[in-house]
Amino acid sequence: PGCGLTRSFVSLAHGDWSRAWLFNPAGPLLFVFFAVQIPFRAIQLWRLRVGAEPMDSPWFYLPLWGIFGVMIVQWFARLIGWLVVA
């Protein structure tokens, strides 16, 4: 399911979104998820430093499970041959 993620991330870093999608359809989603983690984790560290409770909710993990689901679906689709990647 994760095959092509590195090439997808490299293509995204170069601004080539369509090629990144071809390498792995979950790549752009995972890239955005990781990019959002940077400010989120910075806010968490700040909250801990000032003595506030960390933000925690089961809803924070929902996007990650969605991305995991997309990765599994596209993996099965490629195994069956529904998605053709050049």
C-alpha atoms as a PDB file:
ATOM      1  CA  PRO A   1       0.000   0.000   0.000  1.00  0.00           C
ATOM      2  CA  GLY A   2       2.887   2.394   0.601  1.00  0.00           C
ATOM      3  CA  CYS A   3       4.719   1.640  -2.628  1.00  0.00           C
ATOM      4  CA  GLY A   4       5.499   4.876  -4.447  1.00  0.00           C
ATOM      5  CA  LEU A   5       5.087   7.150  -1.422  1.00  0.00           C
ATOM      6  CA  THR A   6       8.694   8.362  -1.524  1.00  0.00           C
ATOM      7  CA  ARG A   7       8.464   9.207  -5.224  1.00  0.00           C
ATOM      8  CA  SER A   8       5.077  10.803  -4.568  1.00  0.00           C
ATOM      9  CA  PHE A   9       6.532  13.006  -1.805  1.00  0.00           C
ATOM     10  CA  VAL A  10       9.467  14.010  -4.017  1.00  0.00           C
ATOM     11  CA  SER A  11       7.068  14.939  -6.826  1.00  0.00           C
ATOM     12  CA  LEU A  12       5.002  16.990  -4.378  1.00  0.00           C
ATOM     13  CA  ALA A  13       8.124  18.780  -3.179  1.00  0.00           C
ATOM     14  CA  HIS A  14       8.806  19.689  -6.816  1.00  0.00           C
ATOM     15  CA  GLY A  15       5.220  20.888  -7.252  1.00  0.00           C
ATOM     16  CA  ASP A  16       4.143  18.097  -9.615  1.00  0.00           C
ATOM     17  CA  TRP A  17       0.814  17.070  -8.051  1.00  0.00           C
ATOM     18  CA  SER A  18      -0.444  15.005 -10.987  1.00  0.00           C
ATOM     19  CA  ARG A  19       2.693  12.862 -11.105  1.00  0.00           C
ATOM     20  CA  ALA A  20       2.552  12.441  -7.323  1.00  0.00           C
ATOM     21  CA  TRP A  21      -1.003  11.139  -7.678  1.00  0.00           C
ATOM     22  CA  LEU A  22       0.143   8.613 -10.278  1.00  0.00           C
ATOM     23  CA  PHE A  23       2.897   7.274  -8.022  1.00  0.00           C
ATOM     24  CA  ASN A  24       0.502   6.751  -5.106  1.00  0.00           C
ATOM     25  CA  PRO A  25      -2.993   8.302  -4.788  1.00  0.00           C
ATOM     26  CA  ALA A  26      -2.624   8.440  -0.999  1.00  0.00           C
ATOM     27  CA  GLY A  27       0.653  10.379  -1.278  1.00  0.00           C
ATOM     28  CA  PRO A  28      -0.823  13.893  -1.518  1.00  0.00           C
ATOM     29  CA  LEU A  29      -3.206  13.157   1.368  1.00  0.00           C
ATOM     30  CA  LEU A  30      -0.419  11.842   3.554  1.00  0.00           C
ATOM     31  CA  PHE A  31       1.829  14.757   2.581  1.00  0.00           C
ATOM     32  CA  VAL A  32      -0.823  17.266   3.700  1.00  0.00           C
ATOM     33  CA  PHE A  33      -1.393  15.283   6.906  1.00  0.00           C
ATOM     34  CA  PHE A  34       2.317  15.427   7.739  1.00  0.00           C
ATOM     35  CA  ALA A  35       2.514  19.130   6.854  1.00  0.00           C
ATOM     36  CA  VAL A  36      -0.365  19.889   9.246  1.00  0.00           C
ATOM     37  CA  GLN A  37       1.442  17.998  11.996  1.00  0.00           C
ATOM     38  CA  ILE A  38       4.214  20.607  12.172  1.00  0.00           C
ATOM     39  CA  PRO A  39       2.072  23.510  13.477  1.00  0.00           C
ATOM     40  CA  PHE A  40      -0.158  21.140  15.460  1.00  0.00           C
ATOM     41  CA  ARG A  41       2.807  19.679  17.342  1.00  0.00           C
ATOM     42  CA  ALA A  42       4.255  23.162  17.898  1.00  0.00           C
ATOM     43  CA  ILE A  43       0.969  24.238  19.495  1.00  0.00           C
ATOM     44  CA  GLN A  44       0.958  21.075  21.621  1.00  0.00           C
ATOM     45  CA  LEU A  45       4.480  21.816  22.863  1.00  0.00           C
ATOM     46  CA  TRP A  46       3.515  25.424  23.638  1.00  0.00           C
ATOM     47  CA  ARG A  47       0.420  24.260  25.559  1.00  0.00           C
ATOM     48  CA  LEU A  48       2.532  21.873  27.634  1.00  0.00           C
ATOM     49  CA  ARG A  49       5.108  24.585  28.302  1.00  0.00           C
ATOM     50  CA  VAL A  50       2.482  27.011  29.673  1.00  0.00           C
ATOM     51  CA  GLY A  51       0.908  24.292  31.811  1.00  0.00           C
ATOM     52  CA  ALA A  52      -2.263  23.728  29.774  1.00  0.00           C
ATOM     53  CA  GLU A  53      -3.665  20.314  29.033  1.00  0.00           C
ATOM     54  CA  PRO A  54      -2.640  18.875  25.655  1.00  0.00           C
ATOM     55  CA  MET A  55      -5.287  18.767  22.971  1.00  0.00           C
ATOM     56  CA  ASP A  56      -6.390  15.177  22.630  1.00  0.00           C
ATOM     57  CA  SER A  57      -9.429  13.744  20.965  1.00  0.00           C
ATOM     58  CA  PRO A  58     -10.212  10.545  19.099  1.00  0.00           C
ATOM     59  CA  TRP A  59     -11.228  12.784  16.182  1.00  0.00           C
ATOM     60  CA  PHE A  60      -7.592  13.783  15.673  1.00  0.00           C
ATOM     61  CA  TYR A  61      -6.869  10.258  14.439  1.00  0.00           C
ATOM     62  CA  LEU A  62      -9.784  10.078  11.999  1.00  0.00           C
ATOM     63  CA  PRO A  63      -7.880  11.627   9.047  1.00  0.00           C
ATOM     64  CA  LEU A  64      -5.042   9.176   9.551  1.00  0.00           C
ATOM     65  CA  TRP A  65      -7.446   6.223   9.456  1.00  0.00           C
ATOM     66  CA  GLY A  66      -9.037   7.709   6.317  1.00  0.00           C
ATOM     67  CA  ILE A  67      -5.667   7.965   4.604  1.00  0.00           C
ATOM     68  CA  PHE A  68      -4.869   4.406   5.675  1.00  0.00           C
ATOM     69  CA  GLY A  69      -8.187   3.307   4.132  1.00  0.00           C
ATOM     70  CA  VAL A  70      -7.370   5.082   0.860  1.00  0.00           C
ATOM     71  CA  MET A  71      -3.979   3.371   0.787  1.00  0.00           C
ATOM     72  CA  ILE A  72      -5.529  -0.077   1.261  1.00  0.00           C
ATOM     73  CA  VAL A  73      -8.252   0.532  -1.361  1.00  0.00           C
ATOM     74  CA  GLN A  74      -5.790   1.788  -3.992  1.00  0.00           C
ATOM     75  CA  TRP A  75      -3.481  -1.138  -3.202  1.00  0.00           C
ATOM     76  CA  PHE A  76      -6.253  -3.663  -3.805  1.00  0.00           C
ATOM     77  CA  ALA A  77      -7.334  -1.792  -6.935  1.00  0.00           C
ATOM     78  CA  ARG A  78      -3.795  -2.006  -8.322  1.00  0.00           C
ATOM     79  CA  LEU A  79      -3.557  -5.688  -7.431  1.00  0.00           C
ATOM     80  CA  ILE A  80      -6.768  -6.397  -9.280  1.00  0.00           C
ATOM     81  CA  GLY A  81      -5.678  -4.191 -12.158  1.00  0.00           C
ATOM     82  CA  TRP A  82      -8.304  -1.466 -11.959  1.00  0.00           C
ATOM     83  CA  LEU A  83      -5.762   1.314 -11.732  1.00  0.00           C
ATOM     84  CA  VAL A  84      -3.242   1.451 -14.509  1.00  0.00           C
ATOM     85  CA  VAL A  85      -0.141   3.485 -13.742  1.00  0.00           C
ATOM     86  CA  ALA A  86       2.245   4.385 -16.521  1.00  0.00           C
END
